[in-house]
Amino acid sequence: MQIKIVFWELGSGEAIWKGRRIRDLHDGCTSLCISKITIKEAHGDAGMFFECDGRVLWCGHVSGTVSVWDCSTRLSLGEFATNEGKFQVEKIEALRTIDGVIVGLNNGNIILFSYDFNQRTAKKVWEVNVEKPENEDVTINIKKIKAYKNSVIVLTDNYLVSLDLRTGYLIDTFVGYDESVSDFSVNEMDNISKVVVVGKRGFLSMFRLDEETWNTEQS
């Protein structure tokens, strides 16, 4: 099975670009995200529905590799390994404050990488484990990662975790969900950052997102 990345134009429904990793055509892509950076030259087509100029596509792979693509030129901007090849990338989240990404691996580790586009090299800023597998044969399902202001919110099957974006410090953990949580969103309500969590059987909770701790407001 050949694995490829495809951009689709919403208006026409036609593929406008396809890309493959030359090093390994069969290293499946597990997660994608796009970030906006400052690129010296403008290459994009301003008439396109989706403006690609100045945007970078980050792709997480089964091998644990993250490949980086220039959306405007359709060319590779390099790639880097997140680990020694033992664990695959589950989720990847781009950052607005720095050139880099937050990567979630299926061993429960969350890693922040900064990326130098000139040198095409990644630097690990911090790494933290949010859920340990019970044994070597068990993997951790990272459902969602969201960077919001100075926090990183991570959802697994059993945990909802808040991390400090700058240090990776574990601010708070909520347990006992047992695969019941489906999704969460972060919103500003009355100038207060709140996390809304939804799940199975009508589950709904809301938390106030503080830098030091979370406070349950309703459930």
N, C-alpha and C. Protein backbone atom coordinates (compact mmCIF):
# COMPACT_ATOMS: atom_id res chain seq x y z
N MET A 1 0.84 -1.19 0.00
CA MET A 1 0.00 0.00 0.00
C MET A 1 0.88 1.24 0.00
N GLN A 2 0.65 2.13 -0.95
CA GLN A 2 1.42 3.35 -1.02
C GLN A 2 0.73 4.45 -0.22
N ILE A 3 1.51 5.11 0.61
CA ILE A 3 0.98 6.18 1.45
C ILE A 3 1.34 7.52 0.84
N LYS A 4 0.37 8.39 0.64
CA LYS A 4 0.65 9.71 0.09
C LYS A 4 -0.21 10.76 0.77
N ILE A 5 0.27 12.00 0.70
CA ILE A 5 -0.44 13.15 1.26
C ILE A 5 -1.07 13.91 0.11
N VAL A 6 -2.34 14.26 0.24
CA VAL A 6 -3.05 14.90 -0.86
C VAL A 6 -3.73 16.17 -0.37
N PHE A 7 -3.57 17.27 -1.11
CA PHE A 7 -4.33 18.49 -0.88
C PHE A 7 -5.53 18.48 -1.82
N TRP A 8 -6.71 18.78 -1.28
CA TRP A 8 -7.91 18.85 -2.11
C TRP A 8 -8.43 20.28 -2.12
N GLU A 9 -8.81 20.76 -3.31
CA GLU A 9 -9.44 22.07 -3.43
C GLU A 9 -10.93 21.89 -3.19
N LEU A 10 -11.48 22.60 -2.22
CA LEU A 10 -12.87 22.37 -1.83
C LEU A 10 -13.86 22.75 -2.93
N GLY A 11 -13.51 23.79 -3.71
CA GLY A 11 -14.44 24.24 -4.74
C GLY A 11 -14.66 23.23 -5.84
N SER A 12 -13.57 22.69 -6.37
CA SER A 12 -13.67 21.79 -7.51
C SER A 12 -13.69 20.32 -7.11
N GLY A 13 -13.21 20.02 -5.90
CA GLY A 13 -13.12 18.64 -5.48
C GLY A 13 -11.99 17.89 -6.15
N GLU A 14 -11.07 18.62 -6.78
CA GLU A 14 -9.95 17.99 -7.47
C GLU A 14 -8.69 18.10 -6.63
N ALA A 15 -7.86 17.07 -6.70
CA ALA A 15 -6.59 17.10 -5.99
C ALA A 15 -5.66 18.11 -6.66
N ILE A 16 -5.07 19.00 -5.86
CA ILE A 16 -4.18 20.02 -6.42
C ILE A 16 -2.72 19.73 -6.14
N TRP A 17 -2.46 18.76 -5.27
CA TRP A 17 -1.06 18.39 -5.00
C TRP A 17 -1.01 17.06 -4.29
N LYS A 18 0.00 16.26 -4.63
CA LYS A 18 0.25 14.99 -3.95
C LYS A 18 1.73 14.92 -3.62
N GLY A 19 2.04 14.41 -2.45
CA GLY A 19 3.45 14.29 -2.07
C GLY A 19 3.73 12.98 -1.35
N ARG A 20 4.93 12.44 -1.58
CA ARG A 20 5.35 11.22 -0.91
C ARG A 20 6.74 11.40 -0.35
N ARG A 21 7.01 10.73 0.78
CA ARG A 21 8.36 10.71 1.31
C ARG A 21 9.21 9.78 0.46
N ILE A 22 10.36 10.28 0.01
CA ILE A 22 11.22 9.49 -0.86
C ILE A 22 11.89 8.38 -0.07
N ARG A 23 12.22 8.63 1.19
CA ARG A 23 12.97 7.65 1.97
C ARG A 23 12.17 6.38 2.24
N ASP A 24 10.90 6.53 2.48
CA ASP A 24 10.08 5.36 2.80
C ASP A 24 8.66 5.61 2.32
N LEU A 25 8.30 5.02 1.20
CA LEU A 25 6.99 5.25 0.61
C LEU A 25 5.87 4.59 1.41
N HIS A 26 6.23 3.66 2.28
CA HIS A 26 5.21 2.87 2.98
C HIS A 26 5.11 3.21 4.47
N ASP A 27 5.75 4.31 4.87
CA ASP A 27 5.68 4.75 6.27
C ASP A 27 4.42 5.59 6.43
N GLY A 28 3.35 4.98 6.90
CA GLY A 28 2.05 5.62 6.92
C GLY A 28 2.00 6.91 7.71
N CYS A 29 1.15 7.84 7.26
CA CYS A 29 0.93 9.11 7.95
C CYS A 29 -0.20 8.93 8.96
N THR A 30 0.06 9.27 10.21
CA THR A 30 -0.91 9.06 11.28
C THR A 30 -1.60 10.34 11.74
N SER A 31 -0.98 11.50 11.48
CA SER A 31 -1.56 12.76 11.95
C SER A 31 -0.99 13.91 11.13
N LEU A 32 -1.81 14.94 10.89
CA LEU A 32 -1.40 16.10 10.10
C LEU A 32 -1.78 17.39 10.83
N CYS A 33 -1.01 18.44 10.60
CA CYS A 33 -1.41 19.78 11.03
C CYS A 33 -0.69 20.80 10.15
N ILE A 34 -1.22 22.00 10.09
CA ILE A 34 -0.65 23.07 9.27
C ILE A 34 -0.43 24.28 10.14
N SER A 35 0.72 24.92 9.98
CA SER A 35 1.02 26.15 10.71
C SER A 35 1.43 27.23 9.73
N LYS A 36 1.33 28.46 10.17
CA LYS A 36 1.70 29.61 9.34
C LYS A 36 3.01 30.17 9.86
N ILE A 37 3.99 30.31 8.96
CA ILE A 37 5.28 30.87 9.31
C ILE A 37 5.63 31.96 8.32
N THR A 38 6.71 32.66 8.59
CA THR A 38 7.19 33.70 7.68
C THR A 38 8.21 33.10 6.73
N ILE A 39 7.88 33.08 5.44
CA ILE A 39 8.79 32.59 4.40
C ILE A 39 9.26 33.77 3.56
N LYS A 40 10.54 33.78 3.22
CA LYS A 40 11.14 34.94 2.57
C LYS A 40 10.48 35.27 1.23
N GLU A 41 10.19 34.28 0.42
CA GLU A 41 9.65 34.51 -0.90
C GLU A 41 8.23 33.99 -0.99
N ALA A 42 7.42 34.65 -1.80
CA ALA A 42 6.04 34.23 -2.00
C ALA A 42 5.97 33.32 -3.22
N HIS A 43 5.46 32.11 -3.04
CA HIS A 43 5.39 31.16 -4.14
C HIS A 43 3.95 30.75 -4.45
N GLY A 44 3.04 31.05 -3.57
CA GLY A 44 1.69 30.52 -3.71
C GLY A 44 0.87 31.21 -4.77
N ASP A 45 -0.22 30.59 -5.15
CA ASP A 45 -1.18 31.12 -6.10
C ASP A 45 -2.26 31.84 -5.31
N ALA A 46 -2.29 33.17 -5.43
CA ALA A 46 -3.23 33.96 -4.63
C ALA A 46 -4.67 33.69 -5.01
N GLY A 47 -4.90 33.08 -6.19
CA GLY A 47 -6.25 32.80 -6.62
C GLY A 47 -6.82 31.51 -6.06
N MET A 48 -6.01 30.76 -5.34
CA MET A 48 -6.48 29.49 -4.79
C MET A 48 -7.43 29.73 -3.63
N PHE A 49 -8.39 28.83 -3.47
CA PHE A 49 -9.33 28.94 -2.36
C PHE A 49 -8.59 28.85 -1.03
N PHE A 50 -7.65 27.91 -0.93
CA PHE A 50 -6.82 27.77 0.27
C PHE A 50 -5.47 28.40 -0.01
N GLU A 51 -5.14 29.48 0.67
CA GLU A 51 -3.88 30.17 0.46
C GLU A 51 -2.75 29.38 1.10
N CYS A 52 -1.87 28.83 0.27
CA CYS A 52 -0.79 27.98 0.76
C CYS A 52 0.46 28.76 1.12
N ASP A 53 0.60 29.98 0.62
CA ASP A 53 1.83 30.73 0.83
C ASP A 53 2.07 31.00 2.31
N GLY A 54 3.29 30.68 2.77
CA GLY A 54 3.64 30.92 4.16
C GLY A 54 3.14 29.87 5.12
N ARG A 55 2.67 28.74 4.60
CA ARG A 55 2.16 27.68 5.47
C ARG A 55 3.01 26.42 5.35
N VAL A 56 3.11 25.73 6.47
CA VAL A 56 3.92 24.52 6.55
C VAL A 56 3.03 23.36 6.98
N LEU A 57 3.20 22.23 6.32
CA LEU A 57 2.48 21.01 6.66
C LEU A 57 3.39 20.09 7.46
N TRP A 58 2.93 19.68 8.64
CA TRP A 58 3.66 18.75 9.50
C TRP A 58 2.94 17.40 9.46
N CYS A 59 3.69 16.33 9.22
CA CYS A 59 3.10 15.00 9.10
C CYS A 59 3.77 14.04 10.07
N GLY A 60 2.99 13.43 10.96
CA GLY A 60 3.51 12.40 11.84
C GLY A 60 3.36 11.04 11.20
N HIS A 61 4.35 10.16 11.41
CA HIS A 61 4.37 8.87 10.73
C HIS A 61 4.44 7.70 11.71
N VAL A 62 4.14 6.50 11.18
CA VAL A 62 4.16 5.28 11.98
C VAL A 62 5.54 5.04 12.57
N SER A 63 6.58 5.39 11.84
CA SER A 63 7.96 5.16 12.29
C SER A 63 8.38 6.08 13.42
N GLY A 64 7.55 7.09 13.74
CA GLY A 64 7.93 8.09 14.73
C GLY A 64 8.59 9.30 14.11
N THR A 65 8.70 9.31 12.79
CA THR A 65 9.28 10.44 12.07
C THR A 65 8.23 11.53 11.87
N VAL A 66 8.68 12.79 11.87
CA VAL A 66 7.85 13.92 11.48
C VAL A 66 8.45 14.52 10.21
N SER A 67 7.68 14.54 9.13
CA SER A 67 8.14 15.16 7.89
C SER A 67 7.52 16.55 7.78
N VAL A 68 8.27 17.48 7.18
CA VAL A 68 7.87 18.89 7.11
C VAL A 68 7.83 19.30 5.64
N TRP A 69 6.74 19.97 5.24
CA TRP A 69 6.54 20.33 3.84
C TRP A 69 6.18 21.81 3.72
N ASP A 70 6.71 22.45 2.67
CA ASP A 70 6.34 23.82 2.33
C ASP A 70 5.09 23.75 1.46
N CYS A 71 3.98 24.27 1.96
CA CYS A 71 2.73 24.19 1.22
C CYS A 71 2.75 25.01 -0.07
N SER A 72 3.56 26.07 -0.11
CA SER A 72 3.57 26.93 -1.29
C SER A 72 4.41 26.36 -2.43
N THR A 73 5.56 25.77 -2.10
CA THR A 73 6.43 25.21 -3.15
C THR A 73 6.18 23.73 -3.37
N ARG A 74 5.46 23.08 -2.45
CA ARG A 74 5.21 21.64 -2.48
C ARG A 74 6.49 20.83 -2.29
N LEU A 75 7.50 21.44 -1.69
CA LEU A 75 8.78 20.78 -1.49
C LEU A 75 8.99 20.42 -0.02
N SER A 76 9.84 19.43 0.20
CA SER A 76 10.15 19.00 1.56
C SER A 76 11.02 20.04 2.26
N LEU A 77 10.73 20.27 3.53
CA LEU A 77 11.55 21.14 4.37
C LEU A 77 12.33 20.32 5.39
N GLY A 78 12.44 19.02 5.13
CA GLY A 78 13.20 18.16 6.02
C GLY A 78 12.31 17.24 6.83
N GLU A 79 12.92 16.46 7.69
CA GLU A 79 12.20 15.57 8.59
C GLU A 79 13.09 15.26 9.78
N PHE A 80 12.48 14.79 10.85
CA PHE A 80 13.26 14.46 12.05
C PHE A 80 12.59 13.32 12.80
N ALA A 81 13.40 12.59 13.56
CA ALA A 81 12.91 11.46 14.35
C ALA A 81 12.51 11.96 15.74
N THR A 82 11.37 11.51 16.21
CA THR A 82 10.91 11.89 17.55
C THR A 82 11.42 10.94 18.62
N ASN A 83 11.79 9.72 18.22
CA ASN A 83 12.31 8.72 19.15
C ASN A 83 13.17 7.74 18.36
N GLU A 84 13.53 6.64 18.94
CA GLU A 84 14.41 5.68 18.30
C GLU A 84 13.67 4.69 17.41
N GLY A 85 12.48 5.04 16.99
CA GLY A 85 11.73 4.19 16.08
C GLY A 85 10.86 3.16 16.76
N LYS A 86 10.77 3.20 18.08
CA LYS A 86 9.96 2.21 18.80
C LYS A 86 8.48 2.59 18.85
N PHE A 87 8.20 3.89 18.76
CA PHE A 87 6.83 4.35 18.97
C PHE A 87 6.40 5.25 17.82
N GLN A 88 5.12 5.16 17.46
CA GLN A 88 4.61 5.96 16.36
C GLN A 88 3.99 7.26 16.86
N VAL A 89 3.89 8.22 15.96
CA VAL A 89 3.24 9.49 16.26
C VAL A 89 1.73 9.27 16.24
N GLU A 90 1.07 9.63 17.34
CA GLU A 90 -0.39 9.51 17.42
C GLU A 90 -1.07 10.81 17.01
N LYS A 91 -0.60 11.92 17.58
CA LYS A 91 -1.17 13.23 17.27
C LYS A 91 -0.05 14.26 17.17
N ILE A 92 -0.31 15.30 16.40
CA ILE A 92 0.67 16.37 16.24
C ILE A 92 -0.08 17.69 16.21
N GLU A 93 0.44 18.69 16.92
CA GLU A 93 -0.22 19.99 17.05
C GLU A 93 0.79 21.10 16.81
N ALA A 94 0.52 21.96 15.84
CA ALA A 94 1.42 23.07 15.53
C ALA A 94 1.24 24.20 16.53
N LEU A 95 2.28 25.01 16.67
CA LEU A 95 2.28 26.13 17.60
C LEU A 95 2.22 27.45 16.86
N ARG A 96 1.61 28.43 17.48
CA ARG A 96 1.56 29.77 16.90
C ARG A 96 2.68 30.66 17.41
N THR A 97 3.19 30.34 18.58
CA THR A 97 4.17 31.23 19.22
C THR A 97 5.59 30.98 18.74
N ILE A 98 5.92 29.75 18.37
CA ILE A 98 7.25 29.43 17.88
C ILE A 98 7.12 28.51 16.68
N ASP A 99 8.20 28.39 15.90
CA ASP A 99 8.23 27.43 14.81
C ASP A 99 8.51 26.05 15.40
N GLY A 100 7.48 25.26 15.51
CA GLY A 100 7.64 23.94 16.11
C GLY A 100 6.31 23.25 16.29
N VAL A 101 6.36 22.04 16.85
CA VAL A 101 5.16 21.23 17.02
C VAL A 101 5.20 20.48 18.35
N ILE A 102 4.01 20.12 18.82
CA ILE A 102 3.88 19.22 19.96
C ILE A 102 3.48 17.85 19.41
N VAL A 103 4.23 16.83 19.79
CA VAL A 103 4.03 15.49 19.26
C VAL A 103 3.58 14.55 20.39
N GLY A 104 2.54 13.77 20.13
CA GLY A 104 2.09 12.76 21.08
C GLY A 104 2.40 11.38 20.54
N LEU A 105 3.15 10.57 21.29
CA LEU A 105 3.52 9.22 20.86
C LEU A 105 2.61 8.19 21.50
N ASN A 106 2.57 6.99 20.92
CA ASN A 106 1.68 5.97 21.46
C ASN A 106 2.24 5.23 22.67
N ASN A 107 3.31 5.77 23.26
CA ASN A 107 3.76 5.29 24.58
C ASN A 107 3.32 6.25 25.68
N GLY A 108 2.52 7.27 25.32
CA GLY A 108 2.02 8.24 26.29
C GLY A 108 2.91 9.44 26.50
N ASN A 109 3.99 9.56 25.73
CA ASN A 109 4.89 10.70 25.86
C ASN A 109 4.43 11.86 24.99
N ILE A 110 4.51 13.07 25.55
CA ILE A 110 4.23 14.30 24.82
C ILE A 110 5.54 15.08 24.72
N ILE A 111 5.91 15.50 23.50
CA ILE A 111 7.20 16.15 23.28
C ILE A 111 6.99 17.46 22.53
N LEU A 112 7.65 18.51 22.99
CA LEU A 112 7.67 19.79 22.28
C LEU A 112 8.98 19.91 21.53
N PHE A 113 8.89 20.12 20.21
CA PHE A 113 10.06 20.34 19.37
C PHE A 113 10.00 21.75 18.77
N SER A 114 11.13 22.46 18.82
CA SER A 114 11.28 23.66 18.01
C SER A 114 11.98 23.25 16.72
N TYR A 115 11.76 24.02 15.63
CA TYR A 115 12.31 23.62 14.34
C TYR A 115 13.00 24.80 13.67
N ASP A 116 14.25 24.58 13.25
CA ASP A 116 15.03 25.58 12.52
C ASP A 116 14.88 25.30 11.03
N PHE A 117 14.14 26.15 10.33
CA PHE A 117 13.90 25.91 8.91
C PHE A 117 15.13 26.15 8.05
N ASN A 118 16.06 26.98 8.52
CA ASN A 118 17.29 27.21 7.76
C ASN A 118 18.20 25.99 7.82
N GLN A 119 18.38 25.44 9.02
CA GLN A 119 19.23 24.27 9.19
C GLN A 119 18.48 22.95 8.99
N ARG A 120 17.15 23.05 8.97
CA ARG A 120 16.29 21.87 8.85
C ARG A 120 16.58 20.85 9.96
N THR A 121 16.62 21.37 11.16
CA THR A 121 16.89 20.53 12.32
C THR A 121 15.87 20.82 13.41
N ALA A 122 15.56 19.79 14.19
CA ALA A 122 14.62 19.92 15.30
C ALA A 122 15.36 19.83 16.62
N LYS A 123 14.86 20.57 17.62
CA LYS A 123 15.44 20.53 18.95
C LYS A 123 14.34 20.21 19.96
N LYS A 124 14.58 19.19 20.77
CA LYS A 124 13.62 18.83 21.80
C LYS A 124 13.67 19.86 22.93
N VAL A 125 12.53 20.47 23.23
CA VAL A 125 12.45 21.46 24.30
C VAL A 125 12.12 20.78 25.62
N TRP A 126 11.13 19.90 25.62
CA TRP A 126 10.80 19.10 26.80
C TRP A 126 10.04 17.86 26.38
N GLU A 127 10.01 16.88 27.29
CA GLU A 127 9.28 15.63 27.07
C GLU A 127 8.69 15.17 28.40
N VAL A 128 7.42 14.76 28.38
CA VAL A 128 6.75 14.34 29.60
C VAL A 128 5.81 13.18 29.26
N ASN A 129 5.63 12.27 30.20
CA ASN A 129 4.70 11.17 30.03
C ASN A 129 3.39 11.49 30.72
N VAL A 130 2.27 11.34 30.01
CA VAL A 130 0.96 11.64 30.58
C VAL A 130 0.18 10.39 30.95
N GLU A 131 0.58 9.24 30.41
CA GLU A 131 -0.06 7.97 30.77
C GLU A 131 0.88 6.82 30.41
N LYS A 132 1.15 5.97 31.39
CA LYS A 132 2.06 4.84 31.17
C LYS A 132 1.27 3.60 30.76
N PRO A 133 1.73 2.88 29.71
CA PRO A 133 1.07 1.62 29.35
C PRO A 133 1.24 0.56 30.42
N GLU A 134 0.26 -0.31 30.55
CA GLU A 134 0.31 -1.35 31.58
C GLU A 134 1.41 -2.37 31.31
N ASN A 135 1.68 -2.64 30.04
CA ASN A 135 2.78 -3.54 29.68
C ASN A 135 3.30 -3.14 28.30
N GLU A 136 4.34 -3.82 27.83
CA GLU A 136 4.99 -3.44 26.58
C GLU A 136 4.10 -3.64 25.36
N ASP A 137 3.11 -4.50 25.47
CA ASP A 137 2.24 -4.79 24.33
C ASP A 137 1.08 -3.80 24.20
N VAL A 138 0.90 -2.95 25.19
CA VAL A 138 -0.21 -2.00 25.20
C VAL A 138 0.28 -0.64 24.73
N THR A 139 -0.49 0.01 23.87
CA THR A 139 -0.16 1.36 23.42
C THR A 139 -1.18 2.35 23.97
N ILE A 140 -0.79 3.61 24.01
CA ILE A 140 -1.63 4.68 24.53
C ILE A 140 -2.25 5.44 23.36
N ASN A 141 -3.55 5.61 23.41
CA ASN A 141 -4.26 6.34 22.37
C ASN A 141 -4.33 7.82 22.75
N ILE A 142 -3.52 8.64 22.06
CA ILE A 142 -3.60 10.10 22.25
C ILE A 142 -4.70 10.61 21.35
N LYS A 143 -5.83 11.00 21.93
CA LYS A 143 -6.98 11.40 21.13
C LYS A 143 -6.86 12.81 20.58
N LYS A 144 -6.32 13.72 21.40
CA LYS A 144 -6.28 15.12 20.98
C LYS A 144 -5.23 15.87 21.76
N ILE A 145 -4.57 16.82 21.08
CA ILE A 145 -3.63 17.75 21.72
C ILE A 145 -4.03 19.16 21.30
N LYS A 146 -4.11 20.06 22.25
CA LYS A 146 -4.47 21.44 21.94
C LYS A 146 -3.58 22.40 22.72
N ALA A 147 -2.85 23.25 21.99
CA ALA A 147 -2.06 24.30 22.62
C ALA A 147 -2.93 25.55 22.74
N TYR A 148 -3.02 26.09 23.94
CA TYR A 148 -3.86 27.26 24.17
C TYR A 148 -3.17 28.18 25.16
N LYS A 149 -2.82 29.36 24.70
CA LYS A 149 -2.08 30.33 25.50
C LYS A 149 -0.82 29.67 26.07
N ASN A 150 -0.71 29.58 27.39
CA ASN A 150 0.49 29.00 28.01
C ASN A 150 0.29 27.54 28.43
N SER A 151 -0.76 26.91 27.91
CA SER A 151 -1.07 25.54 28.32
C SER A 151 -1.13 24.60 27.13
N VAL A 152 -0.93 23.33 27.41
CA VAL A 152 -1.13 22.26 26.44
C VAL A 152 -2.11 21.27 27.07
N ILE A 153 -3.21 21.01 26.40
CA ILE A 153 -4.22 20.10 26.92
C ILE A 153 -4.17 18.82 26.11
N VAL A 154 -4.09 17.69 26.80
CA VAL A 154 -3.95 16.39 26.15
C VAL A 154 -5.08 15.47 26.61
N LEU A 155 -5.71 14.81 25.66
CA LEU A 155 -6.77 13.84 25.97
C LEU A 155 -6.34 12.45 25.52
N THR A 156 -6.35 11.49 26.46
CA THR A 156 -6.14 10.08 26.14
C THR A 156 -7.43 9.33 26.45
N ASP A 157 -7.40 8.00 26.35
CA ASP A 157 -8.60 7.23 26.68
C ASP A 157 -9.00 7.37 28.14
N ASN A 158 -8.03 7.59 29.01
CA ASN A 158 -8.30 7.57 30.45
C ASN A 158 -7.98 8.86 31.19
N TYR A 159 -7.31 9.80 30.53
CA TYR A 159 -6.86 11.00 31.23
C TYR A 159 -7.15 12.25 30.41
N LEU A 160 -7.38 13.34 31.12
CA LEU A 160 -7.38 14.68 30.55
C LEU A 160 -6.33 15.46 31.32
N VAL A 161 -5.31 15.95 30.63
CA VAL A 161 -4.12 16.48 31.27
C VAL A 161 -3.86 17.90 30.81
N SER A 162 -3.42 18.74 31.73
CA SER A 162 -2.99 20.10 31.42
C SER A 162 -1.50 20.23 31.70
N LEU A 163 -0.75 20.72 30.71
CA LEU A 163 0.70 20.90 30.83
C LEU A 163 1.05 22.37 30.64
N ASP A 164 2.15 22.78 31.25
CA ASP A 164 2.69 24.11 31.03
C ASP A 164 3.44 24.11 29.70
N LEU A 165 3.05 24.98 28.77
CA LEU A 165 3.66 25.01 27.45
C LEU A 165 5.14 25.32 27.50
N ARG A 166 5.56 26.14 28.43
CA ARG A 166 6.96 26.57 28.47
C ARG A 166 7.89 25.50 29.03
N THR A 167 7.42 24.72 29.99
CA THR A 167 8.31 23.78 30.69
C THR A 167 7.89 22.32 30.57
N GLY A 168 6.64 22.06 30.16
CA GLY A 168 6.13 20.69 30.16
C GLY A 168 5.67 20.23 31.52
N TYR A 169 5.71 21.12 32.50
CA TYR A 169 5.30 20.79 33.87
C TYR A 169 3.83 20.35 33.88
N LEU A 170 3.54 19.26 34.59
CA LEU A 170 2.18 18.73 34.69
C LEU A 170 1.38 19.58 35.67
N ILE A 171 0.42 20.34 35.17
CA ILE A 171 -0.38 21.21 36.02
C ILE A 171 -1.47 20.43 36.73
N ASP A 172 -2.20 19.62 35.97
CA ASP A 172 -3.29 18.88 36.59
C ASP A 172 -3.68 17.69 35.72
N THR A 173 -4.27 16.67 36.35
CA THR A 173 -4.71 15.46 35.66
C THR A 173 -6.07 15.05 36.18
N PHE A 174 -6.96 14.70 35.28
CA PHE A 174 -8.26 14.18 35.65
C PHE A 174 -8.35 12.74 35.18
N VAL A 175 -8.73 11.83 36.08
CA VAL A 175 -8.72 10.40 35.78
C VAL A 175 -10.13 9.84 35.89
N GLY A 176 -10.26 8.57 35.49
CA GLY A 176 -11.52 7.88 35.66
C GLY A 176 -12.49 8.01 34.52
N TYR A 177 -12.03 8.53 33.37
CA TYR A 177 -12.94 8.67 32.24
C TYR A 177 -13.22 7.33 31.56
N ASP A 178 -12.23 6.42 31.57
CA ASP A 178 -12.42 5.06 31.05
C ASP A 178 -13.03 5.07 29.65
N GLU A 179 -12.40 5.80 28.75
CA GLU A 179 -12.78 5.85 27.34
C GLU A 179 -14.15 6.49 27.11
N SER A 180 -14.66 7.23 28.08
CA SER A 180 -15.99 7.83 27.92
C SER A 180 -15.93 9.21 27.29
N VAL A 181 -14.77 9.88 27.32
CA VAL A 181 -14.65 11.22 26.77
C VAL A 181 -14.36 11.15 25.28
N SER A 182 -15.11 11.92 24.50
CA SER A 182 -14.94 11.91 23.05
C SER A 182 -14.11 13.09 22.55
N ASP A 183 -14.30 14.27 23.14
CA ASP A 183 -13.64 15.46 22.62
C ASP A 183 -13.68 16.56 23.67
N PHE A 184 -12.92 17.62 23.42
CA PHE A 184 -12.96 18.82 24.26
C PHE A 184 -12.69 20.03 23.40
N SER A 185 -13.07 21.18 23.90
CA SER A 185 -12.76 22.45 23.24
C SER A 185 -12.39 23.47 24.31
N VAL A 186 -11.62 24.47 23.91
CA VAL A 186 -11.22 25.54 24.82
C VAL A 186 -11.81 26.85 24.31
N ASN A 187 -12.50 27.57 25.19
CA ASN A 187 -13.18 28.79 24.78
C ASN A 187 -13.01 29.87 25.84
N GLU A 188 -13.11 31.12 25.39
CA GLU A 188 -13.13 32.26 26.30
C GLU A 188 -14.57 32.58 26.65
N MET A 189 -14.91 32.52 27.93
CA MET A 189 -16.25 32.84 28.41
C MET A 189 -16.13 33.87 29.51
N ASP A 190 -16.64 35.07 29.25
CA ASP A 190 -16.55 36.17 30.21
C ASP A 190 -15.09 36.42 30.60
N ASN A 191 -14.21 36.41 29.58
CA ASN A 191 -12.77 36.66 29.77
C ASN A 191 -12.09 35.59 30.62
N ILE A 192 -12.69 34.42 30.71
CA ILE A 192 -12.11 33.30 31.45
C ILE A 192 -11.95 32.13 30.49
N SER A 193 -10.77 31.53 30.48
CA SER A 193 -10.52 30.37 29.63
C SER A 193 -11.14 29.13 30.26
N LYS A 194 -12.00 28.45 29.50
CA LYS A 194 -12.68 27.28 30.02
C LYS A 194 -12.56 26.11 29.05
N VAL A 195 -12.42 24.91 29.63
CA VAL A 195 -12.35 23.68 28.86
C VAL A 195 -13.69 22.96 28.97
N VAL A 196 -14.32 22.72 27.83
CA VAL A 196 -15.59 22.01 27.79
C VAL A 196 -15.32 20.59 27.29
N VAL A 197 -15.70 19.60 28.09
CA VAL A 197 -15.43 18.19 27.78
C VAL A 197 -16.75 17.48 27.53
N VAL A 198 -16.83 16.74 26.42
CA VAL A 198 -18.05 15.99 26.09
C VAL A 198 -17.70 14.53 25.87
N GLY A 199 -18.69 13.65 26.08
CA GLY A 199 -18.43 12.23 25.92
C GLY A 199 -19.69 11.41 25.78
N LYS A 200 -19.56 10.13 26.04
CA LYS A 200 -20.66 9.19 25.86
C LYS A 200 -21.71 9.35 26.96
N ARG A 201 -22.91 8.88 26.64
CA ARG A 201 -24.03 8.84 27.60
C ARG A 201 -24.33 10.22 28.20
N GLY A 202 -24.20 11.25 27.37
CA GLY A 202 -24.53 12.60 27.81
C GLY A 202 -23.52 13.25 28.72
N PHE A 203 -22.29 12.70 28.77
CA PHE A 203 -21.26 13.26 29.66
C PHE A 203 -20.90 14.67 29.23
N LEU A 204 -20.89 15.60 30.18
CA LEU A 204 -20.52 16.99 29.91
C LEU A 204 -19.91 17.60 31.16
N SER A 205 -18.72 18.16 31.02
CA SER A 205 -18.06 18.85 32.13
C SER A 205 -17.42 20.12 31.62
N MET A 206 -17.27 21.07 32.53
CA MET A 206 -16.61 22.32 32.19
C MET A 206 -15.58 22.64 33.26
N PHE A 207 -14.38 23.04 32.82
CA PHE A 207 -13.30 23.37 33.74
C PHE A 207 -12.78 24.77 33.45
N ARG A 208 -12.43 25.45 34.49
CA ARG A 208 -11.75 26.73 34.34
C ARG A 208 -10.27 26.46 34.19
N LEU A 209 -9.68 26.99 33.13
CA LEU A 209 -8.28 26.73 32.82
C LEU A 209 -7.42 27.81 33.47
N ASP A 210 -6.74 27.44 34.56
CA ASP A 210 -5.81 28.33 35.23
C ASP A 210 -4.40 27.85 34.96
N GLU A 211 -3.41 28.73 35.19
CA GLU A 211 -2.03 28.35 34.95
C GLU A 211 -1.53 27.37 36.00
N GLU A 212 -2.11 27.40 37.18
CA GLU A 212 -1.61 26.54 38.24
C GLU A 212 -2.48 25.30 38.45
N THR A 213 -3.80 25.42 38.25
CA THR A 213 -4.67 24.28 38.50
C THR A 213 -5.97 24.47 37.75
N TRP A 214 -6.73 23.41 37.60
CA TRP A 214 -8.05 23.47 37.00
C TRP A 214 -9.10 23.37 38.09
N ASN A 215 -10.20 24.08 37.89
CA ASN A 215 -11.30 24.02 38.83
C ASN A 215 -12.55 23.53 38.12
N THR A 216 -13.18 22.49 38.66
CA THR A 216 -14.41 21.97 38.07
C THR A 216 -15.55 22.92 38.37
N GLU A 217 -16.27 23.35 37.29
CA GLU A 217 -17.39 24.26 37.50
C GLU A 217 -18.73 23.55 37.41
N GLN A 218 -18.81 22.54 36.55
CA GLN A 218 -20.06 21.80 36.49
C GLN A 218 -19.78 20.46 35.84
N SER A 219 -20.63 19.48 36.10
CA SER A 219 -20.47 18.15 35.50
C SER A 219 -21.82 17.47 35.43
